[in-house]
């Protein structure tokens, strides 16, 4: 009897073991067809920001401890501002945990981290950089040569400038990038520096850029000739507005704009903004309505061409005076979806 009880117990244990072996393991994998959640978690703030200054060339190296992130840190943005006051502006980016910059005088620097989803950490506390007591160098009255006139590569929302590098009898240690609003007028302001012969700037609108070089003894080259850049906004409003010229004569020109509904539903109306870079003035429009005769111009649909099915287009035209510069406007489009 005792042996039979033992046999029954052993058989039950074996059956339970077999059930356990076939029990499916828990899986944390999301079911097929369900998209992962967007990453909205920013990286941690870089820690331990410190500086090392050098005399030859006169420069500062910023160093910090790497940030962490739930997905991955892709780089760091370095900002600087004069210690005497002013707005922090971007001076460079790096994927490393250090950054070298020509000393610009008594200066403040701060750093933030970026991740692959575009999230940014808070900035570090600013650190101050004081030029070191370097040995006296022989007088160097010779400035660098002027950089080549910048070439602009424009994408929606930003522009990248490139230029031919300067030369110098000692060494070129960096470049300053200055910007003014509009194709004419406005005041140039320093918007960044770089140790290479390229620079990327974000912003939408019409700008003029000029670049100058700096050598190791503090001499500056002359500014380059200005380059005028038209930076369009990224299309995010469900419609596009594409301009093309339609004729010109002394002092005036005509243009046409094709409006296309790029959304997935029909529209009941649309609004197009035209921003001209050189003082051009619209005098009349057709197949549309002009809200105000002032740049930038806000143009809305007529009563008969506001309804556009997905993928459908309509065209309006305008006449304007010209100032002799490029007549191409920056365009932006907003659609009014059907309810």
C-alpha atoms as a PDB file:
ATOM      1  CA  UNK A   1       0.000   0.000   0.000  1.00  0.00           C
ATOM      2  CA  UNK A   2       2.767   2.419   0.907  1.00  0.00           C
ATOM      3  CA  UNK A   3       4.596   1.691  -2.319  1.00  0.00           C
ATOM      4  CA  UNK A   4       1.404   2.380  -4.327  1.00  0.00           C
ATOM      5  CA  UNK A   5       0.936   5.776  -2.665  1.00  0.00           C
ATOM      6  CA  UNK A   6       4.528   6.679  -3.454  1.00  0.00           C
ATOM      7  CA  UNK A   7       4.006   5.664  -7.109  1.00  0.00           C
ATOM      8  CA  UNK A   8       0.875   7.813  -7.386  1.00  0.00           C
ATOM      9  CA  UNK A   9       2.695  10.854  -5.925  1.00  0.00           C
ATOM     10  CA  UNK A  10       5.646  10.414  -8.295  1.00  0.00           C
ATOM     11  CA  UNK A  11       3.305  10.180 -11.293  1.00  0.00           C
ATOM     12  CA  UNK A  12       1.491  13.361 -10.250  1.00  0.00           C
ATOM     13  CA  UNK A  13       4.787  15.236  -9.894  1.00  0.00           C
ATOM     14  CA  UNK A  14       5.866  14.086 -13.352  1.00  0.00           C
ATOM     15  CA  UNK A  15       2.565  15.300 -14.846  1.00  0.00           C
ATOM     16  CA  UNK A  16       2.961  18.687 -13.217  1.00  0.00           C
ATOM     17  CA  UNK A  17       6.528  18.954 -14.530  1.00  0.00           C
ATOM     18  CA  UNK A  18       5.262  18.218 -18.034  1.00  0.00           C
ATOM     19  CA  UNK A  19       2.638  20.945 -17.787  1.00  0.00           C
ATOM     20  CA  UNK A  20       5.239  23.454 -16.659  1.00  0.00           C
ATOM     21  CA  UNK A  21       7.471  22.618 -19.613  1.00  0.00           C
ATOM     22  CA  UNK A  22       4.710  23.472 -22.082  1.00  0.00           C
ATOM     23  CA  UNK A  23       3.417  26.627 -20.373  1.00  0.00           C
ATOM     24  CA  UNK A  24       4.153  29.525 -22.801  1.00  0.00           C
ATOM     25  CA  UNK A  25       6.622  32.121 -21.517  1.00  0.00           C
ATOM     26  CA  UNK A  26       5.412  35.707 -21.038  1.00  0.00           C
ATOM     27  CA  UNK A  27       6.428  37.966 -23.919  1.00  0.00           C
ATOM     28  CA  UNK A  28       6.877  41.742 -23.635  1.00  0.00           C
ATOM     29  CA  UNK A  29       6.886  42.156 -27.414  1.00  0.00           C
ATOM     30  CA  UNK A  30       4.116  44.417 -28.695  1.00  0.00           C
ATOM     31  CA  UNK A  31       1.526  42.667 -30.900  1.00  0.00           C
ATOM     32  CA  UNK A  32       2.126  42.978 -34.632  1.00  0.00           C
ATOM     33  CA  UNK A  33       0.663  46.125 -36.173  1.00  0.00           C
ATOM     34  CA  UNK A  34       0.845  48.226 -33.010  1.00  0.00           C
ATOM     35  CA  UNK A  35       3.421  51.047 -33.290  1.00  0.00           C
ATOM     36  CA  UNK A  36       5.785  51.641 -30.374  1.00  0.00           C
ATOM     37  CA  UNK A  37       5.153  54.718 -28.267  1.00  0.00           C
ATOM     38  CA  UNK A  38       6.960  57.924 -29.286  1.00  0.00           C
ATOM     39  CA  UNK A  39      10.111  58.743 -27.331  1.00  0.00           C
ATOM     40  CA  UNK A  40       9.488  61.905 -25.299  1.00  0.00           C
ATOM     41  CA  UNK A  41      12.111  61.300 -22.607  1.00  0.00           C
ATOM     42  CA  UNK A  42      15.001  63.794 -22.807  1.00  0.00           C
ATOM     43  CA  UNK A  43      18.598  62.869 -22.013  1.00  0.00           C
ATOM     44  CA  UNK A  44      20.092  63.723 -18.644  1.00  0.00           C
ATOM     45  CA  UNK A  45      21.969  66.999 -18.308  1.00  0.00           C
ATOM     46  CA  UNK A  46      25.702  66.685 -19.077  1.00  0.00           C
ATOM     47  CA  UNK A  47      27.650  66.750 -15.801  1.00  0.00           C
ATOM     48  CA  UNK A  48      30.948  68.231 -14.700  1.00  0.00           C
ATOM     49  CA  UNK A  49      31.389  70.868 -17.417  1.00  0.00           C
ATOM     50  CA  UNK A  50      34.995  72.126 -17.157  1.00  0.00           C
ATOM     51  CA  UNK A  51      37.432  74.169 -19.255  1.00  0.00           C
ATOM     52  CA  UNK A  52      41.077  73.946 -20.296  1.00  0.00           C
ATOM     53  CA  UNK A  53      42.694  77.006 -21.909  1.00  0.00           C
ATOM     54  CA  UNK A  54      45.794  77.047 -24.132  1.00  0.00           C
ATOM     55  CA  UNK A  55      48.058  79.727 -25.561  1.00  0.00           C
ATOM     56  CA  UNK A  56      49.180  78.165 -28.832  1.00  0.00           C
ATOM     57  CA  UNK A  57      46.773  78.335 -30.449  1.00  0.00           C
ATOM     58  CA  UNK A  58      44.765  80.562 -28.123  1.00  0.00           C
ATOM     59  CA  UNK A  59      41.839  78.244 -27.443  1.00  0.00           C
ATOM     60  CA  UNK A  60      39.596  76.647 -24.846  1.00  0.00           C
ATOM     61  CA  UNK A  61      38.544  73.006 -24.621  1.00  0.00           C
ATOM     62  CA  UNK A  62      35.242  72.233 -22.892  1.00  0.00           C
ATOM     63  CA  UNK A  63      34.846  68.776 -21.332  1.00  0.00           C
ATOM     64  CA  UNK A  64      31.941  67.047 -19.580  1.00  0.00           C
ATOM     65  CA  UNK A  65      30.631  63.682 -18.463  1.00  0.00           C
ATOM     66  CA  UNK A  66      28.405  61.921 -20.996  1.00  0.00           C
ATOM     67  CA  UNK A  67      24.634  62.137 -20.630  1.00  0.00           C
ATOM     68  CA  UNK A  68      22.409  59.061 -20.523  1.00  0.00           C
ATOM     69  CA  UNK A  69      19.127  58.423 -22.334  1.00  0.00           C
ATOM     70  CA  UNK A  70      16.454  55.736 -22.525  1.00  0.00           C
ATOM     71  CA  UNK A  71      17.222  55.258 -26.254  1.00  0.00           C
ATOM     72  CA  UNK A  72      20.572  56.873 -26.995  1.00  0.00           C
ATOM     73  CA  UNK A  73      22.391  60.226 -26.897  1.00  0.00           C
ATOM     74  CA  UNK A  74      23.340  61.359 -30.426  1.00  0.00           C
ATOM     75  CA  UNK A  75      25.222  64.578 -29.711  1.00  0.00           C
ATOM     76  CA  UNK A  76      25.704  67.784 -27.760  1.00  0.00           C
ATOM     77  CA  UNK A  77      24.954  71.464 -28.553  1.00  0.00           C
ATOM     78  CA  UNK A  78      27.459  74.057 -27.338  1.00  0.00           C
ATOM     79  CA  UNK A  79      26.253  77.643 -26.764  1.00  0.00           C
ATOM     80  CA  UNK A  80      28.265  80.742 -25.860  1.00  0.00           C
ATOM     81  CA  UNK A  81      27.772  84.392 -24.884  1.00  0.00           C
ATOM     82  CA  UNK A  82      30.029  87.316 -23.905  1.00  0.00           C
ATOM     83  CA  UNK A  83      30.486  87.540 -20.141  1.00  0.00           C
ATOM     84  CA  UNK A  84      29.578  91.233 -20.306  1.00  0.00           C
ATOM     85  CA  UNK A  85      26.037  90.277 -21.357  1.00  0.00           C
ATOM     86  CA  UNK A  86      24.160  89.061 -24.383  1.00  0.00           C
ATOM     87  CA  UNK A  87      22.147  86.136 -25.655  1.00  0.00           C
ATOM     88  CA  UNK A  88      23.628  82.654 -25.781  1.00  0.00           C
ATOM     89  CA  UNK A  89      24.053  81.575 -29.424  1.00  0.00           C
ATOM     90  CA  UNK A  90      25.046  78.182 -30.879  1.00  0.00           C
ATOM     91  CA  UNK A  91      28.800  77.905 -31.448  1.00  0.00           C
ATOM     92  CA  UNK A  92      29.005  74.248 -32.462  1.00  0.00           C
ATOM     93  CA  UNK A  93      27.860  70.670 -32.058  1.00  0.00           C
ATOM     94  CA  UNK A  94      29.770  67.474 -31.308  1.00  0.00           C
ATOM     95  CA  UNK A  95      29.120  63.785 -30.779  1.00  0.00           C
ATOM     96  CA  UNK A  96      32.055  63.611 -28.334  1.00  0.00           C
ATOM     97  CA  UNK A  97      32.212  64.832 -24.719  1.00  0.00           C
ATOM     98  CA  UNK A  98      34.617  67.673 -25.499  1.00  0.00           C
ATOM     99  CA  UNK A  99      34.664  70.710 -27.765  1.00  0.00           C
ATOM    100  CA  UNK A 100      37.509  73.085 -28.684  1.00  0.00           C
ATOM    101  CA  UNK A 101      36.806  76.725 -29.498  1.00  0.00           C
ATOM    102  CA  UNK A 102      39.073  79.740 -30.185  1.00  0.00           C
ATOM    103  CA  UNK A 103      39.028  82.041 -27.150  1.00  0.00           C
ATOM    104  CA  UNK A 104      36.745  84.991 -27.929  1.00  0.00           C
ATOM    105  CA  UNK A 105      37.664  86.996 -24.818  1.00  0.00           C
ATOM    106  CA  UNK A 106      35.892  86.719 -21.470  1.00  0.00           C
ATOM    107  CA  UNK A 107      33.128  84.282 -22.381  1.00  0.00           C
ATOM    108  CA  UNK A 108      30.423  81.997 -20.957  1.00  0.00           C
ATOM    109  CA  UNK A 109      29.603  78.530 -22.259  1.00  0.00           C
ATOM    110  CA  UNK A 110      26.820  75.993 -21.636  1.00  0.00           C
ATOM    111  CA  UNK A 111      26.081  72.547 -23.090  1.00  0.00           C
ATOM    112  CA  UNK A 112      22.997  70.377 -23.618  1.00  0.00           C
ATOM    113  CA  UNK A 113      22.489  66.815 -24.917  1.00  0.00           C
ATOM    114  CA  UNK A 114      20.313  65.579 -27.804  1.00  0.00           C
ATOM    115  CA  UNK A 115      18.842  62.125 -28.432  1.00  0.00           C
ATOM    116  CA  UNK A 116      17.803  60.317 -31.605  1.00  0.00           C
ATOM    117  CA  UNK A 117      14.174  61.480 -31.281  1.00  0.00           C
ATOM    118  CA  UNK A 118      15.160  65.169 -31.131  1.00  0.00           C
ATOM    119  CA  UNK A 119      14.622  65.549 -27.374  1.00  0.00           C
ATOM    120  CA  UNK A 120      17.107  67.881 -25.653  1.00  0.00           C
ATOM    121  CA  UNK A 121      18.237  68.001 -22.072  1.00  0.00           C
ATOM    122  CA  UNK A 122      18.314  71.145 -19.967  1.00  0.00           C
ATOM    123  CA  UNK A 123      21.474  73.235 -20.287  1.00  0.00           C
ATOM    124  CA  UNK A 124      24.361  72.866 -17.890  1.00  0.00           C
ATOM    125  CA  UNK A 125      25.191  75.726 -15.565  1.00  0.00           C
ATOM    126  CA  UNK A 126      27.327  78.222 -17.533  1.00  0.00           C
ATOM    127  CA  UNK A 127      31.102  78.145 -17.075  1.00  0.00           C
ATOM    128  CA  UNK A 128      33.334  81.183 -17.509  1.00  0.00           C
ATOM    129  CA  UNK A 129      36.423  81.233 -19.712  1.00  0.00           C
ATOM    130  CA  UNK A 130      39.176  83.756 -18.990  1.00  0.00           C
ATOM    131  CA  UNK A 131      41.989  84.257 -21.537  1.00  0.00           C
ATOM    132  CA  UNK A 132      45.245  82.894 -20.055  1.00  0.00           C
ATOM    133  CA  UNK A 133      48.363  85.018 -19.398  1.00  0.00           C
ATOM    134  CA  UNK A 134      50.119  83.865 -22.557  1.00  0.00           C
ATOM    135  CA  UNK A 135      53.756  84.743 -23.348  1.00  0.00           C
ATOM    136  CA  UNK A 136      54.161  87.860 -25.437  1.00  0.00           C
ATOM    137  CA  UNK A 137      54.083  87.005 -29.118  1.00  0.00           C
ATOM    138  CA  UNK A 138      55.866  88.992 -31.813  1.00  0.00           C
ATOM    139  CA  UNK A 139      53.585  91.604 -33.378  1.00  0.00           C
ATOM    140  CA  UNK A 140      51.506  90.135 -36.192  1.00  0.00           C
ATOM    141  CA  UNK A 141      49.801  92.867 -38.176  1.00  0.00           C
ATOM    142  CA  UNK A 142      48.815  90.559 -41.034  1.00  0.00           C
ATOM    143  CA  UNK A 143      45.151  89.479 -41.033  1.00  0.00           C
ATOM    144  CA  UNK A 144      43.901  86.285 -42.680  1.00  0.00           C
ATOM    145  CA  UNK A 145      42.741  86.387 -46.250  1.00  0.00           C
ATOM    146  CA  UNK A 146      39.021  86.887 -46.788  1.00  0.00           C
ATOM    147  CA  UNK A 147      37.082  83.608 -46.951  1.00  0.00           C
ATOM    148  CA  UNK A 148      35.389  82.721 -50.207  1.00  0.00           C
ATOM    149  CA  UNK A 149      31.855  84.009 -50.660  1.00  0.00           C
ATOM    150  CA  UNK A 150      29.578  81.501 -48.894  1.00  0.00           C
ATOM    151  CA  UNK A 151      27.491  79.036 -50.865  1.00  0.00           C
ATOM    152  CA  UNK A 152      24.098  78.265 -49.351  1.00  0.00           C
ATOM    153  CA  UNK A 153      22.394  74.864 -49.297  1.00  0.00           C
ATOM    154  CA  UNK A 154      18.788  75.408 -48.206  1.00  0.00           C
ATOM    155  CA  UNK A 155      16.363  72.895 -46.761  1.00  0.00           C
ATOM    156  CA  UNK A 156      13.045  73.684 -45.148  1.00  0.00           C
ATOM    157  CA  UNK A 157      13.762  75.383 -41.838  1.00  0.00           C
ATOM    158  CA  UNK A 158      17.549  75.670 -42.124  1.00  0.00           C
ATOM    159  CA  UNK A 159      20.511  76.656 -44.300  1.00  0.00           C
ATOM    160  CA  UNK A 160      24.070  75.308 -44.454  1.00  0.00           C
ATOM    161  CA  UNK A 161      26.780  77.741 -45.537  1.00  0.00           C
ATOM    162  CA  UNK A 162      30.105  76.587 -46.968  1.00  0.00           C
ATOM    163  CA  UNK A 163      33.059  78.666 -48.134  1.00  0.00           C
ATOM    164  CA  UNK A 164      36.667  78.443 -49.286  1.00  0.00           C
ATOM    165  CA  UNK A 165      39.009  78.504 -46.294  1.00  0.00           C
ATOM    166  CA  UNK A 166      41.175  81.529 -45.491  1.00  0.00           C
ATOM    167  CA  UNK A 167      44.971  81.450 -45.228  1.00  0.00           C
ATOM    168  CA  UNK A 168      47.246  83.278 -42.794  1.00  0.00           C
ATOM    169  CA  UNK A 169      50.965  83.785 -42.087  1.00  0.00           C
ATOM    170  CA  UNK A 170      50.490  82.285 -38.587  1.00  0.00           C
ATOM    171  CA  UNK A 171      47.282  80.231 -38.534  1.00  0.00           C
ATOM    172  CA  UNK A 172      43.541  80.622 -39.030  1.00  0.00           C
ATOM    173  CA  UNK A 173      41.795  79.434 -35.869  1.00  0.00           C
ATOM    174  CA  UNK A 174      38.150  80.075 -36.698  1.00  0.00           C
ATOM    175  CA  UNK A 175      35.379  81.919 -38.486  1.00  0.00           C
ATOM    176  CA  UNK A 176      32.554  84.194 -37.365  1.00  0.00           C
ATOM    177  CA  UNK A 177      29.149  84.029 -39.058  1.00  0.00           C
ATOM    178  CA  UNK A 178      27.097  87.245 -39.096  1.00  0.00           C
ATOM    179  CA  UNK A 179      23.462  87.560 -40.185  1.00  0.00           C
ATOM    180  CA  UNK A 180      21.048  90.392 -41.012  1.00  0.00           C
ATOM    181  CA  UNK A 181      17.298  90.142 -41.680  1.00  0.00           C
ATOM    182  CA  UNK A 182      15.963  90.751 -45.193  1.00  0.00           C
ATOM    183  CA  UNK A 183      17.639  91.159 -48.551  1.00  0.00           C
ATOM    184  CA  UNK A 184      18.510  94.777 -47.716  1.00  0.00           C
ATOM    185  CA  UNK A 185      18.717  96.879 -44.561  1.00  0.00           C
ATOM    186  CA  UNK A 186      18.748  95.470 -41.048  1.00  0.00           C
ATOM    187  CA  UNK A 187      21.732  95.154 -38.732  1.00  0.00           C
ATOM    188  CA  UNK A 188      24.319  92.380 -38.926  1.00  0.00           C
ATOM    189  CA  UNK A 189      24.670  90.347 -35.727  1.00  0.00           C
ATOM    190  CA  UNK A 190      26.988  87.502 -34.759  1.00  0.00           C
ATOM    191  CA  UNK A 191      25.000  84.224 -34.842  1.00  0.00           C
ATOM    192  CA  UNK A 192      27.766  81.652 -34.433  1.00  0.00           C
ATOM    193  CA  UNK A 193      31.382  80.606 -34.859  1.00  0.00           C
ATOM    194  CA  UNK A 194      33.076  77.540 -36.282  1.00  0.00           C
ATOM    195  CA  UNK A 195      36.569  76.128 -36.709  1.00  0.00           C
ATOM    196  CA  UNK A 196      35.609  74.557 -40.046  1.00  0.00           C
ATOM    197  CA  UNK A 197      34.549  76.121 -43.352  1.00  0.00           C
ATOM    198  CA  UNK A 198      30.845  75.328 -42.965  1.00  0.00           C
ATOM    199  CA  UNK A 199      28.016  76.359 -40.633  1.00  0.00           C
ATOM    200  CA  UNK A 200      24.338  75.377 -40.280  1.00  0.00           C
ATOM    201  CA  UNK A 201      21.741  77.869 -39.073  1.00  0.00           C
ATOM    202  CA  UNK A 202      18.065  77.219 -38.296  1.00  0.00           C
ATOM    203  CA  UNK A 203      15.291  79.730 -38.966  1.00  0.00           C
ATOM    204  CA  UNK A 204      12.653  80.606 -41.552  1.00  0.00           C
ATOM    205  CA  UNK A 205      12.696  83.820 -43.570  1.00  0.00           C
ATOM    206  CA  UNK A 206      14.948  85.983 -45.718  1.00  0.00           C
ATOM    207  CA  UNK A 207      18.496  86.603 -44.434  1.00  0.00           C
ATOM    208  CA  UNK A 208      21.875  87.942 -45.522  1.00  0.00           C
ATOM    209  CA  UNK A 209      24.988  86.151 -44.278  1.00  0.00           C
ATOM    210  CA  UNK A 210      28.622  87.266 -44.182  1.00  0.00           C
ATOM    211  CA  UNK A 211      31.681  85.439 -42.836  1.00  0.00           C
ATOM    212  CA  UNK A 212      35.097  86.578 -41.602  1.00  0.00           C
ATOM    213  CA  UNK A 213      38.184  84.684 -40.423  1.00  0.00           C
ATOM    214  CA  UNK A 214      40.258  85.105 -37.244  1.00  0.00           C
ATOM    215  CA  UNK A 215      43.915  84.202 -36.744  1.00  0.00           C
ATOM    216  CA  UNK A 216      45.850  83.077 -33.666  1.00  0.00           C
ATOM    217  CA  UNK A 217      46.912  86.625 -32.756  1.00  0.00           C
ATOM    218  CA  UNK A 218      43.445  88.143 -32.919  1.00  0.00           C
ATOM    219  CA  UNK A 219      43.483  89.643 -36.406  1.00  0.00           C
ATOM    220  CA  UNK A 220      40.280  89.509 -38.430  1.00  0.00           C
ATOM    221  CA  UNK A 221      39.897  89.267 -42.177  1.00  0.00           C
ATOM    222  CA  UNK A 222      37.534  91.451 -44.151  1.00  0.00           C
ATOM    223  CA  UNK A 223      33.961  90.206 -44.385  1.00  0.00           C
ATOM    224  CA  UNK A 224      32.914  88.144 -47.370  1.00  0.00           C
ATOM    225  CA  UNK A 225      30.435  89.539 -49.833  1.00  0.00           C
ATOM    226  CA  UNK A 226      26.904  89.002 -48.494  1.00  0.00           C
ATOM    227  CA  UNK A 227      24.864  86.043 -49.634  1.00  0.00           C
ATOM    228  CA  UNK A 228      21.067  86.357 -49.513  1.00  0.00           C
ATOM    229  CA  UNK A 229      19.197  83.214 -48.509  1.00  0.00           C
ATOM    230  CA  UNK A 230      15.485  82.409 -48.609  1.00  0.00           C
ATOM    231  CA  UNK A 231      14.664  79.676 -46.065  1.00  0.00           C
ATOM    232  CA  UNK A 232      11.155  78.194 -46.442  1.00  0.00           C
ATOM    233  CA  UNK A 233       9.094  76.643 -43.683  1.00  0.00           C
ATOM    234  CA  UNK A 234       8.625  72.889 -43.677  1.00  0.00           C
ATOM    235  CA  UNK A 235       5.292  71.777 -45.185  1.00  0.00           C
ATOM    236  CA  UNK A 236       3.188  70.640 -42.228  1.00  0.00           C
ATOM    237  CA  UNK A 237      -0.246  72.133 -42.889  1.00  0.00           C
ATOM    238  CA  UNK A 238      -1.698  69.704 -45.429  1.00  0.00           C
ATOM    239  CA  UNK A 239      -1.274  71.772 -48.580  1.00  0.00           C
ATOM    240  CA  UNK A 240       1.490  73.157 -50.783  1.00  0.00           C
ATOM    241  CA  UNK A 241       1.828  76.426 -52.694  1.00  0.00           C
ATOM    242  CA  UNK A 242       4.285  76.310 -55.605  1.00  0.00           C
ATOM    243  CA  UNK A 243       5.265  79.592 -57.290  1.00  0.00           C
ATOM    244  CA  UNK A 244       6.382  80.038 -60.893  1.00  0.00           C
ATOM    245  CA  UNK A 245       6.961  83.232 -62.954  1.00  0.00           C
ATOM    246  CA  UNK A 246       4.374  84.074 -65.611  1.00  0.00           C
ATOM    247  CA  UNK A 247       5.952  87.053 -67.359  1.00  0.00           C
ATOM    248  CA  UNK A 248       7.731  90.340 -66.674  1.00  0.00           C
ATOM    249  CA  UNK A 249       8.307  93.798 -68.120  1.00  0.00           C
ATOM    250  CA  UNK A 250      10.223  96.890 -66.904  1.00  0.00           C
ATOM    251  CA  UNK A 251       9.296  97.520 -63.283  1.00  0.00           C
ATOM    252  CA  UNK A 252       6.730  94.743 -62.900  1.00  0.00           C
ATOM    253  CA  UNK A 253       6.112  91.011 -63.262  1.00  0.00           C
ATOM    254  CA  UNK A 254       3.392  88.381 -63.051  1.00  0.00           C
ATOM    255  CA  UNK A 255       3.454  85.145 -61.092  1.00  0.00           C
ATOM    256  CA  UNK A 256       1.225  82.150 -60.566  1.00  0.00           C
ATOM    257  CA  UNK A 257       0.852  79.829 -57.582  1.00  0.00           C
ATOM    258  CA  UNK A 258      -0.445  76.272 -57.734  1.00  0.00           C
ATOM    259  CA  UNK A 259      -2.197  75.230 -54.499  1.00  0.00           C
ATOM    260  CA  UNK A 260      -2.464  71.470 -53.904  1.00  0.00           C
ATOM    261  CA  UNK A 261      -4.364  69.673 -51.145  1.00  0.00           C
ATOM    262  CA  UNK A 262      -1.831  67.151 -49.779  1.00  0.00           C
ATOM    263  CA  UNK A 263      -4.134  66.005 -46.980  1.00  0.00           C
ATOM    264  CA  UNK A 264      -6.315  62.912 -46.862  1.00  0.00           C
ATOM    265  CA  UNK A 265      -9.629  64.782 -46.617  1.00  0.00           C
ATOM    266  CA  UNK A 266     -11.257  67.492 -48.730  1.00  0.00           C
ATOM    267  CA  UNK A 267     -10.776  71.180 -47.953  1.00  0.00           C
ATOM    268  CA  UNK A 268     -13.348  73.943 -47.663  1.00  0.00           C
ATOM    269  CA  UNK A 269     -10.716  76.648 -48.099  1.00  0.00           C
ATOM    270  CA  UNK A 270      -7.011  77.509 -48.049  1.00  0.00           C
ATOM    271  CA  UNK A 271      -4.705  80.388 -47.117  1.00  0.00           C
ATOM    272  CA  UNK A 272      -1.363  81.102 -48.781  1.00  0.00           C
ATOM    273  CA  UNK A 273       1.308  83.463 -47.435  1.00  0.00           C
ATOM    274  CA  UNK A 274       3.771  85.041 -49.887  1.00  0.00           C
ATOM    275  CA  UNK A 275       6.887  86.685 -48.442  1.00  0.00           C
ATOM    276  CA  UNK A 276       9.007  88.656 -50.917  1.00  0.00           C
ATOM    277  CA  UNK A 277      12.735  89.169 -50.244  1.00  0.00           C
ATOM    278  CA  UNK A 278      13.429  92.440 -52.050  1.00  0.00           C
ATOM    279  CA  UNK A 279      10.613  94.923 -51.530  1.00  0.00           C
ATOM    280  CA  UNK A 280       8.334  93.586 -54.281  1.00  0.00           C
ATOM    281  CA  UNK A 281       4.726  94.791 -53.942  1.00  0.00           C
ATOM    282  CA  UNK A 282       1.610  92.973 -55.124  1.00  0.00           C
ATOM    283  CA  UNK A 283      -0.812  95.276 -56.954  1.00  0.00           C
ATOM    284  CA  UNK A 284      -3.597  92.827 -57.824  1.00  0.00           C
ATOM    285  CA  UNK A 285      -4.559  89.128 -57.712  1.00  0.00           C
ATOM    286  CA  UNK A 286      -7.019  86.925 -59.606  1.00  0.00           C
ATOM    287  CA  UNK A 287      -8.724  83.622 -58.729  1.00  0.00           C
ATOM    288  CA  UNK A 288      -8.088  84.505 -55.059  1.00  0.00           C
ATOM    289  CA  UNK A 289      -8.629  87.225 -52.463  1.00  0.00           C
ATOM    290  CA  UNK A 290      -5.888  89.479 -51.057  1.00  0.00           C
ATOM    291  CA  UNK A 291      -6.439  90.443 -47.420  1.00  0.00           C
ATOM    292  CA  UNK A 292      -3.937  93.337 -47.222  1.00  0.00           C
ATOM    293  CA  UNK A 293      -1.461  95.037 -49.561  1.00  0.00           C
ATOM    294  CA  UNK A 294       1.534  94.530 -47.233  1.00  0.00           C
ATOM    295  CA  UNK A 295       4.452  92.115 -47.236  1.00  0.00           C
ATOM    296  CA  UNK A 296       4.072  89.273 -46.217  1.00  0.00           C
ATOM    297  CA  UNK A 297       0.876  88.942 -48.246  1.00  0.00           C
ATOM    298  CA  UNK A 298      -2.005  86.758 -47.021  1.00  0.00           C
ATOM    299  CA  UNK A 299      -4.065  85.356 -49.898  1.00  0.00           C
ATOM    300  CA  UNK A 300      -7.208  83.249 -49.473  1.00  0.00           C
ATOM    301  CA  UNK A 301      -9.286  81.203 -51.877  1.00  0.00           C
ATOM    302  CA  UNK A 302     -12.065  82.646 -54.005  1.00  0.00           C
ATOM    303  CA  UNK A 303     -15.634  81.461 -53.423  1.00  0.00           C
ATOM    304  CA  UNK A 304     -15.358  78.915 -56.238  1.00  0.00           C
ATOM    305  CA  UNK A 305     -11.936  77.270 -55.688  1.00  0.00           C
ATOM    306  CA  UNK A 306     -11.654  76.656 -51.957  1.00  0.00           C
ATOM    307  CA  UNK A 307     -13.043  73.110 -52.041  1.00  0.00           C
ATOM    308  CA  UNK A 308     -10.281  70.701 -53.070  1.00  0.00           C
ATOM    309  CA  UNK A 309     -10.443  66.924 -52.942  1.00  0.00           C
ATOM    310  CA  UNK A 310      -7.333  65.099 -51.676  1.00  0.00           C
ATOM    311  CA  UNK A 311      -4.623  65.536 -54.317  1.00  0.00           C
ATOM    312  CA  UNK A 312      -6.574  68.222 -56.234  1.00  0.00           C
ATOM    313  CA  UNK A 313      -5.053  71.568 -57.224  1.00  0.00           C
ATOM    314  CA  UNK A 314      -6.094  75.088 -58.181  1.00  0.00           C
ATOM    315  CA  UNK A 315      -4.148  78.090 -59.461  1.00  0.00           C
ATOM    316  CA  UNK A 316      -4.215  81.812 -58.699  1.00  0.00           C
ATOM    317  CA  UNK A 317      -2.188  84.622 -60.200  1.00  0.00           C
ATOM    318  CA  UNK A 318      -0.883  88.032 -59.189  1.00  0.00           C
ATOM    319  CA  UNK A 319       0.837  91.104 -60.557  1.00  0.00           C
ATOM    320  CA  UNK A 320       3.553  92.931 -58.632  1.00  0.00           C
ATOM    321  CA  UNK A 321       6.196  95.622 -58.926  1.00  0.00           C
ATOM    322  CA  UNK A 322       9.830  94.521 -58.913  1.00  0.00           C
ATOM    323  CA  UNK A 323      12.926  96.029 -57.307  1.00  0.00           C
ATOM    324  CA  UNK A 324      15.352  94.321 -59.668  1.00  0.00           C
ATOM    325  CA  UNK A 325      16.216  91.466 -57.287  1.00  0.00           C
ATOM    326  CA  UNK A 326      15.072  87.850 -57.318  1.00  0.00           C
ATOM    327  CA  UNK A 327      11.268  87.920 -57.425  1.00  0.00           C
ATOM    328  CA  UNK A 328      10.788  84.408 -55.988  1.00  0.00           C
ATOM    329  CA  UNK A 329       8.654  84.567 -52.816  1.00  0.00           C
ATOM    330  CA  UNK A 330       8.762  82.252 -49.828  1.00  0.00           C
ATOM    331  CA  UNK A 331       5.436  80.404 -49.790  1.00  0.00           C
ATOM    332  CA  UNK A 332       3.452  78.790 -46.983  1.00  0.00           C
ATOM    333  CA  UNK A 333       0.047  77.121 -47.182  1.00  0.00           C
ATOM    334  CA  UNK A 334      -2.634  76.304 -44.596  1.00  0.00           C
ATOM    335  CA  UNK A 335      -5.683  74.232 -45.489  1.00  0.00           C
ATOM    336  CA  UNK A 336      -9.165  74.438 -43.985  1.00  0.00           C
ATOM    337  CA  UNK A 337     -10.403  70.839 -43.773  1.00  0.00           C
ATOM    338  CA  UNK A 338     -14.015  69.913 -44.272  1.00  0.00           C
ATOM    339  CA  UNK A 339     -15.918  69.167 -41.080  1.00  0.00           C
END
